[in-house]
N, C-alpha and C. Protein backbone atom coordinates (compact mmCIF):
# COMPACT_ATOMS: atom_id res chain seq x y z
N MET A 1 -4.93 6.36 4.17
CA MET A 1 -5.97 5.44 3.39
C MET A 1 -6.63 4.14 3.58
N ALA A 2 -6.34 3.53 5.37
CA ALA A 2 -6.63 2.74 6.29
C ALA A 2 -8.12 2.45 5.97
N TRP A 3 -8.73 3.71 6.29
CA TRP A 3 -10.14 4.02 6.72
C TRP A 3 -11.25 2.89 4.92
N ILE A 4 -10.67 3.09 4.04
CA ILE A 4 -10.79 2.22 2.61
C ILE A 4 -10.49 1.39 2.75
N LYS A 5 -9.65 0.38 3.40
CA LYS A 5 -8.84 -1.22 3.52
C LYS A 5 -10.88 -1.55 4.56
N ARG A 6 -10.68 -0.48 5.98
CA ARG A 6 -11.56 -1.12 6.49
C ARG A 6 -12.83 -0.94 6.33
N LYS A 7 -13.46 -0.12 4.44
CA LYS A 7 -14.65 -0.63 4.81
C LYS A 7 -14.84 -1.33 4.04
N PHE A 8 -13.91 -2.26 2.65
CA PHE A 8 -13.74 -3.27 2.22
C PHE A 8 -13.69 -4.26 2.41
N GLY A 9 -13.45 -4.35 3.67
CA GLY A 9 -12.63 -5.71 4.12
C GLY A 9 -11.23 -5.14 3.94
N GLU A 10 -10.18 -6.56 4.18
CA GLU A 10 -8.84 -6.42 4.03
C GLU A 10 -8.79 -6.98 2.25
N ARG A 11 -9.54 -6.24 1.50
CA ARG A 11 -9.06 -6.84 0.11
C ARG A 11 -9.62 -5.33 -0.82
N PRO A 12 -8.36 -4.84 -0.96
CA PRO A 12 -8.23 -3.59 -1.22
C PRO A 12 -9.58 -3.57 -2.87
N PRO A 13 -10.01 -2.19 -3.43
CA PRO A 13 -10.68 -2.19 -4.58
C PRO A 13 -10.15 -2.70 -5.82
N PRO A 14 -10.67 -2.71 -6.68
CA PRO A 14 -9.69 -2.62 -8.02
C PRO A 14 -9.82 -1.37 -8.51
N LYS A 15 -8.45 -1.19 -9.45
CA LYS A 15 -8.26 0.32 -10.14
C LYS A 15 -9.84 0.92 -10.08
N ARG A 16 -10.67 0.12 -11.01
CA ARG A 16 -11.55 1.50 -11.52
C ARG A 16 -12.54 1.63 -10.14
N LEU A 17 -12.65 0.25 -8.94
CA LEU A 17 -13.58 1.18 -8.25
C LEU A 17 -12.82 1.56 -6.93
N THR A 18 -11.62 2.01 -7.04
CA THR A 18 -11.28 2.46 -6.16
C THR A 18 -10.87 4.25 -6.80
N ARG A 19 -10.87 4.84 -7.78
CA ARG A 19 -11.38 5.70 -8.22
C ARG A 19 -12.10 5.95 -7.77
N GLU A 20 -13.50 5.60 -8.36
CA GLU A 20 -14.80 6.22 -8.11
C GLU A 20 -15.44 5.94 -6.70
N ALA A 21 -14.52 4.92 -6.05
CA ALA A 21 -14.86 4.90 -4.20
C ALA A 21 -14.57 6.00 -3.65
N MET A 22 -12.73 6.58 -4.23
CA MET A 22 -12.19 8.23 -3.38
C MET A 22 -13.09 8.94 -3.50
N ARG A 23 -14.05 9.60 -4.99
CA ARG A 23 -14.39 10.20 -5.31
C ARG A 23 -15.58 9.76 -4.50
N ASN A 24 -16.68 9.22 -4.21
CA ASN A 24 -17.36 9.33 -3.09
C ASN A 24 -17.09 9.38 -1.92
N TYR A 25 -15.60 8.95 -1.50
CA TYR A 25 -15.51 9.37 -0.12
C TYR A 25 -15.60 10.49 0.07
N LEU A 26 -14.42 11.46 -0.46
CA LEU A 26 -14.04 12.19 -0.88
C LEU A 26 -15.12 13.45 -1.09
N LYS A 27 -16.71 12.73 -1.64
CA LYS A 27 -17.74 14.21 -1.83
C LYS A 27 -18.08 13.75 0.08
N GLU A 28 -18.17 12.30 0.79
CA GLU A 28 -18.94 12.03 1.60
C GLU A 28 -17.95 12.46 3.11
């Protein structure tokens, strides 16, 4: 999950964005 932190900067995305972002990243 380190790549998610890199994309969003060092700040972790909110819970809502995390689920949506993970789905988008998994599709990509």
